[in-house]
Amino acid sequence: DEDPEEDHVDYPADGGDDGDDEEESSGDEEDDERDSSPPPQIPFPPLPLILSPPSPILAPAPPTSISPPPLQLPSASRKEDRPEDMDEIYIRLDDEQTERQLLAGRLNMLFRNRRAHAYTRLLMEAEARMSREAWTRAT
């Protein structure tokens, strides 16, 4: 099938010859000498010997001294824990928060309405312009 003497390699069109073969040959010999020497050996510390398999992980030991349970802080949600003056403060905070929420809702509605009003204005102006043009053509 294929001729073993036939060369299937694509060579450059100019032959790839620069004409300076003599200078390269001396460099090639030096490269060959460097390639033939073994690479330097990098010393590594010896690996530790494994004498036994790793021991299983044990659960932590229970504490030797019995400590009192952690103190619980009074909850703000339980009414009996709060003094009466705190109730007034919470009521005022709730009122302020609801007022802010109402104002924020109204402001958001204004922004939404602003877009809708601008679109309605454009529609009305376009309708007025078309009716004027139709009236001038009719007369």
Foldseek 3Di string as FASTA:
>chain_A
DDDPVDDPDDADPVRPDPPPVVVVVVVVVVVVVVVPDDDDDDDDDDDDDDDDPDDDDDDDDDDPDDDDDDDDDDDPPDPVVDDPVVVVVVVVVVVVVVVVVVVVVVVVVVVVVVVVVVVVVVVVVVVVVVVVVVVVVVD
